[in-house]
Amino acid sequence: MGSRIIWLKRAISPANHAMAKKFPLHPSHPERVCWGCDKYCPTDAMGCGNGSSRTQHPIELLGDDWLDYGDWGIEAPDASARGPAPA
């Protein structure tokens, strides 16, 4: 069991973590998807085994400028590529 714990720690370390799919920075309907893993399952058919509740997208928690705060490890496009700010 000790080796399993070590493996899990290595699997989730920031140096080893890479998303299999490109993470959407501004999804149109983030409330319709679970963002907890790379499967991006619909909220009514989660396939990752969690089953209890969905993981929210950072835009739902922090707002449209969520990428400007914190170290997310995601390359941010420049401001001109984002388009106009929402009204």
N, C-alpha and C. Protein backbone atom coordinates (compact mmCIF):
# COMPACT_ATOMS: atom_id res chain seq x y z
N MET A 1 0.83 -1.20 0.00
CA MET A 1 0.00 0.00 0.00
C MET A 1 0.86 1.25 0.00
N GLY A 2 2.02 1.20 0.59
CA GLY A 2 2.89 2.36 0.62
C GLY A 2 3.32 2.80 -0.77
N SER A 3 3.58 1.84 -1.67
CA SER A 3 3.98 2.21 -3.02
C SER A 3 2.83 2.88 -3.78
N ARG A 4 1.61 2.49 -3.48
CA ARG A 4 0.46 3.12 -4.13
C ARG A 4 0.35 4.58 -3.73
N ILE A 5 0.59 4.90 -2.49
CA ILE A 5 0.52 6.28 -2.02
C ILE A 5 1.60 7.11 -2.69
N ILE A 6 2.80 6.57 -2.80
CA ILE A 6 3.88 7.29 -3.46
C ILE A 6 3.53 7.54 -4.92
N TRP A 7 2.97 6.53 -5.59
CA TRP A 7 2.60 6.70 -6.99
C TRP A 7 1.55 7.80 -7.15
N LEU A 8 0.55 7.83 -6.26
CA LEU A 8 -0.47 8.85 -6.35
C LEU A 8 0.12 10.24 -6.13
N LYS A 9 1.05 10.37 -5.21
CA LYS A 9 1.68 11.67 -4.98
C LYS A 9 2.45 12.11 -6.22
N ARG A 10 3.15 11.19 -6.87
CA ARG A 10 3.88 11.54 -8.09
C ARG A 10 2.92 11.86 -9.23
N ALA A 11 1.80 11.19 -9.30
CA ALA A 11 0.86 11.40 -10.40
C ALA A 11 0.21 12.77 -10.35
N ILE A 12 0.03 13.33 -9.16
CA ILE A 12 -0.63 14.62 -9.06
C ILE A 12 0.31 15.77 -8.81
N SER A 13 1.62 15.52 -8.82
CA SER A 13 2.55 16.62 -8.60
C SER A 13 2.51 17.57 -9.79
N PRO A 14 2.68 18.88 -9.55
CA PRO A 14 2.60 19.85 -10.64
C PRO A 14 3.60 19.59 -11.77
N ALA A 15 4.75 19.04 -11.46
CA ALA A 15 5.76 18.80 -12.50
C ALA A 15 5.33 17.70 -13.46
N ASN A 16 4.54 16.73 -12.98
CA ASN A 16 4.13 15.61 -13.81
C ASN A 16 2.74 15.79 -14.42
N HIS A 17 2.04 16.83 -14.03
CA HIS A 17 0.64 16.96 -14.45
C HIS A 17 0.55 17.69 -15.78
N ALA A 18 -0.09 17.07 -16.74
CA ALA A 18 -0.37 17.70 -18.02
C ALA A 18 -1.78 17.30 -18.44
N MET A 19 -2.54 18.27 -18.87
CA MET A 19 -3.91 18.00 -19.30
C MET A 19 -3.88 17.29 -20.65
N ALA A 20 -4.73 16.29 -20.81
CA ALA A 20 -4.81 15.58 -22.08
C ALA A 20 -5.53 16.41 -23.13
N LYS A 21 -6.50 17.21 -22.70
CA LYS A 21 -7.25 18.08 -23.61
C LYS A 21 -6.92 19.52 -23.27
N LYS A 22 -7.06 20.38 -24.25
CA LYS A 22 -6.85 21.81 -24.02
C LYS A 22 -7.96 22.33 -23.12
N PHE A 23 -7.61 23.05 -22.08
CA PHE A 23 -8.59 23.56 -21.12
C PHE A 23 -9.23 24.84 -21.66
N PRO A 24 -10.56 24.87 -21.81
CA PRO A 24 -11.22 26.07 -22.34
C PRO A 24 -11.17 27.21 -21.33
N LEU A 25 -10.70 28.37 -21.77
CA LEU A 25 -10.54 29.51 -20.87
C LEU A 25 -11.87 30.22 -20.60
N HIS A 26 -12.73 30.31 -21.61
CA HIS A 26 -14.01 30.99 -21.46
C HIS A 26 -15.12 30.15 -22.13
N PRO A 27 -15.53 29.05 -21.49
CA PRO A 27 -16.58 28.22 -22.08
C PRO A 27 -17.92 28.95 -22.09
N SER A 28 -18.74 28.64 -23.07
CA SER A 28 -20.02 29.35 -23.20
C SER A 28 -21.02 28.95 -22.11
N HIS A 29 -21.05 27.69 -21.71
CA HIS A 29 -21.97 27.22 -20.67
C HIS A 29 -21.20 26.32 -19.69
N PRO A 30 -20.39 26.90 -18.82
CA PRO A 30 -19.58 26.07 -17.91
C PRO A 30 -20.41 25.26 -16.92
N GLU A 31 -21.64 25.68 -16.66
CA GLU A 31 -22.49 24.99 -15.70
C GLU A 31 -23.00 23.66 -16.21
N ARG A 32 -22.83 23.36 -17.48
CA ARG A 32 -23.32 22.11 -18.06
C ARG A 32 -22.29 20.98 -18.02
N VAL A 33 -21.08 21.27 -17.55
CA VAL A 33 -19.98 20.31 -17.62
C VAL A 33 -19.31 20.17 -16.26
N CYS A 34 -18.82 18.95 -15.97
CA CYS A 34 -17.97 18.73 -14.80
C CYS A 34 -16.53 18.93 -15.25
N TRP A 35 -15.79 19.78 -14.57
CA TRP A 35 -14.43 20.14 -14.97
C TRP A 35 -13.38 19.43 -14.13
N GLY A 36 -13.75 18.36 -13.42
CA GLY A 36 -12.85 17.70 -12.49
C GLY A 36 -11.77 16.83 -13.12
N CYS A 37 -11.93 16.42 -14.37
CA CYS A 37 -10.92 15.60 -15.04
C CYS A 37 -10.93 15.92 -16.53
N ASP A 38 -10.20 15.19 -17.30
CA ASP A 38 -10.08 15.45 -18.74
C ASP A 38 -11.26 14.93 -19.55
N LYS A 39 -12.23 14.30 -18.91
CA LYS A 39 -13.37 13.76 -19.66
C LYS A 39 -14.41 14.83 -19.98
N TYR A 40 -14.51 15.88 -19.15
CA TYR A 40 -15.49 16.96 -19.33
C TYR A 40 -16.89 16.39 -19.54
N CYS A 41 -17.35 15.59 -18.60
CA CYS A 41 -18.65 14.91 -18.71
C CYS A 41 -19.81 15.89 -18.50
N PRO A 42 -20.96 15.60 -19.12
CA PRO A 42 -22.17 16.37 -18.81
C PRO A 42 -22.54 16.14 -17.34
N THR A 43 -23.19 17.11 -16.74
CA THR A 43 -23.49 17.01 -15.31
C THR A 43 -24.45 15.88 -14.97
N ASP A 44 -25.25 15.43 -15.94
CA ASP A 44 -26.18 14.35 -15.65
C ASP A 44 -25.64 12.96 -15.99
N ALA A 45 -24.38 12.88 -16.45
CA ALA A 45 -23.79 11.59 -16.81
C ALA A 45 -22.29 11.60 -16.56
N MET A 46 -21.89 11.78 -15.31
CA MET A 46 -20.47 11.83 -15.00
C MET A 46 -19.87 10.44 -15.02
N GLY A 47 -18.77 10.26 -15.75
CA GLY A 47 -18.17 8.96 -15.92
C GLY A 47 -16.88 8.73 -15.17
N CYS A 48 -16.43 9.70 -14.38
CA CYS A 48 -15.15 9.55 -13.71
C CYS A 48 -15.24 8.77 -12.40
N GLY A 49 -16.43 8.50 -11.94
CA GLY A 49 -16.59 7.77 -10.69
C GLY A 49 -16.90 8.66 -9.52
N ASN A 50 -16.84 9.96 -9.70
CA ASN A 50 -17.15 10.88 -8.61
C ASN A 50 -18.63 10.75 -8.26
N GLY A 51 -19.49 11.10 -9.17
CA GLY A 51 -20.91 10.88 -9.02
C GLY A 51 -21.63 11.72 -7.99
N SER A 52 -20.93 12.37 -7.09
CA SER A 52 -21.62 13.12 -6.05
C SER A 52 -21.94 14.55 -6.47
N SER A 53 -20.99 15.24 -7.02
CA SER A 53 -21.22 16.60 -7.48
C SER A 53 -20.16 16.95 -8.52
N ARG A 54 -20.43 17.96 -9.31
CA ARG A 54 -19.50 18.32 -10.36
C ARG A 54 -18.48 19.33 -9.85
N THR A 55 -17.35 19.39 -10.50
CA THR A 55 -16.33 20.38 -10.20
C THR A 55 -16.60 21.60 -11.06
N GLN A 56 -16.67 22.76 -10.45
CA GLN A 56 -16.97 23.98 -11.19
C GLN A 56 -15.75 24.49 -11.94
N HIS A 57 -16.00 25.18 -13.04
CA HIS A 57 -14.95 25.85 -13.80
C HIS A 57 -14.53 27.09 -13.02
N PRO A 58 -13.26 27.48 -13.06
CA PRO A 58 -12.83 28.68 -12.32
C PRO A 58 -13.60 29.95 -12.69
N ILE A 59 -14.12 30.04 -13.91
CA ILE A 59 -14.87 31.23 -14.30
C ILE A 59 -16.16 31.35 -13.48
N GLU A 60 -16.71 30.23 -13.03
CA GLU A 60 -17.92 30.23 -12.21
C GLU A 60 -17.62 30.71 -10.79
N LEU A 61 -16.42 30.44 -10.33
CA LEU A 61 -16.05 30.79 -8.96
C LEU A 61 -15.44 32.19 -8.85
N LEU A 62 -14.63 32.57 -9.85
CA LEU A 62 -13.84 33.80 -9.74
C LEU A 62 -14.23 34.88 -10.73
N GLY A 63 -15.06 34.58 -11.72
CA GLY A 63 -15.47 35.58 -12.69
C GLY A 63 -14.68 35.48 -13.99
N ASP A 64 -15.00 36.38 -14.93
CA ASP A 64 -14.40 36.35 -16.26
C ASP A 64 -12.89 36.57 -16.26
N ASP A 65 -12.36 37.27 -15.27
CA ASP A 65 -10.93 37.54 -15.22
C ASP A 65 -10.17 36.54 -14.35
N TRP A 66 -10.70 35.33 -14.21
CA TRP A 66 -10.11 34.31 -13.34
C TRP A 66 -8.66 34.00 -13.69
N LEU A 67 -8.30 34.10 -14.93
CA LEU A 67 -6.95 33.73 -15.38
C LEU A 67 -5.90 34.75 -14.95
N ASP A 68 -6.34 35.97 -14.62
CA ASP A 68 -5.41 37.02 -14.23
C ASP A 68 -4.88 36.85 -12.81
N TYR A 69 -5.53 36.03 -12.01
CA TYR A 69 -5.16 35.88 -10.60
C TYR A 69 -4.70 34.46 -10.32
N GLY A 70 -3.59 34.31 -9.67
CA GLY A 70 -3.07 33.00 -9.31
C GLY A 70 -2.17 32.41 -10.38
N ASP A 71 -1.56 31.29 -10.06
CA ASP A 71 -0.68 30.59 -10.98
C ASP A 71 -1.37 29.31 -11.42
N TRP A 72 -2.03 29.35 -12.56
CA TRP A 72 -2.80 28.22 -13.06
C TRP A 72 -1.98 27.29 -13.93
N GLY A 73 -0.80 27.72 -14.36
CA GLY A 73 0.01 26.89 -15.23
C GLY A 73 -0.54 26.81 -16.64
N ILE A 74 -1.31 27.83 -17.04
CA ILE A 74 -1.92 27.88 -18.37
C ILE A 74 -1.39 29.11 -19.07
N GLU A 75 -0.98 28.94 -20.31
CA GLU A 75 -0.54 30.08 -21.11
C GLU A 75 -1.74 30.96 -21.42
N ALA A 76 -1.70 32.20 -20.97
CA ALA A 76 -2.79 33.12 -21.22
C ALA A 76 -2.57 33.86 -22.53
N PRO A 77 -3.61 33.97 -23.35
CA PRO A 77 -3.48 34.77 -24.57
C PRO A 77 -3.38 36.24 -24.19
N ASP A 78 -2.81 37.05 -25.08
CA ASP A 78 -2.73 38.47 -24.77
C ASP A 78 -4.13 39.08 -24.79
N ALA A 79 -4.28 40.27 -24.24
CA ALA A 79 -5.58 40.89 -24.08
C ALA A 79 -6.28 41.13 -25.41
N SER A 80 -5.54 41.40 -26.47
CA SER A 80 -6.17 41.66 -27.77
C SER A 80 -6.79 40.39 -28.36
N ALA A 81 -6.24 39.22 -28.04
CA ALA A 81 -6.76 37.96 -28.56
C ALA A 81 -8.04 37.53 -27.85
N ARG A 82 -8.26 38.06 -26.64
CA ARG A 82 -9.45 37.69 -25.86
C ARG A 82 -10.72 38.30 -26.41
N GLY A 83 -10.59 39.42 -27.07
CA GLY A 83 -11.78 40.10 -27.56
C GLY A 83 -12.25 41.13 -26.54
N PRO A 84 -13.35 41.78 -26.82
CA PRO A 84 -13.85 42.81 -25.90
C PRO A 84 -14.33 42.19 -24.59
N ALA A 85 -14.21 42.97 -23.55
CA ALA A 85 -14.68 42.53 -22.24
C ALA A 85 -16.20 42.47 -22.25
N PRO A 86 -16.79 41.46 -21.56
CA PRO A 86 -18.25 41.38 -21.51
C PRO A 86 -18.84 42.59 -20.79
N ALA A 87 -20.01 43.01 -21.22
CA ALA A 87 -20.66 44.19 -20.62
C ALA A 87 -21.36 43.84 -19.34
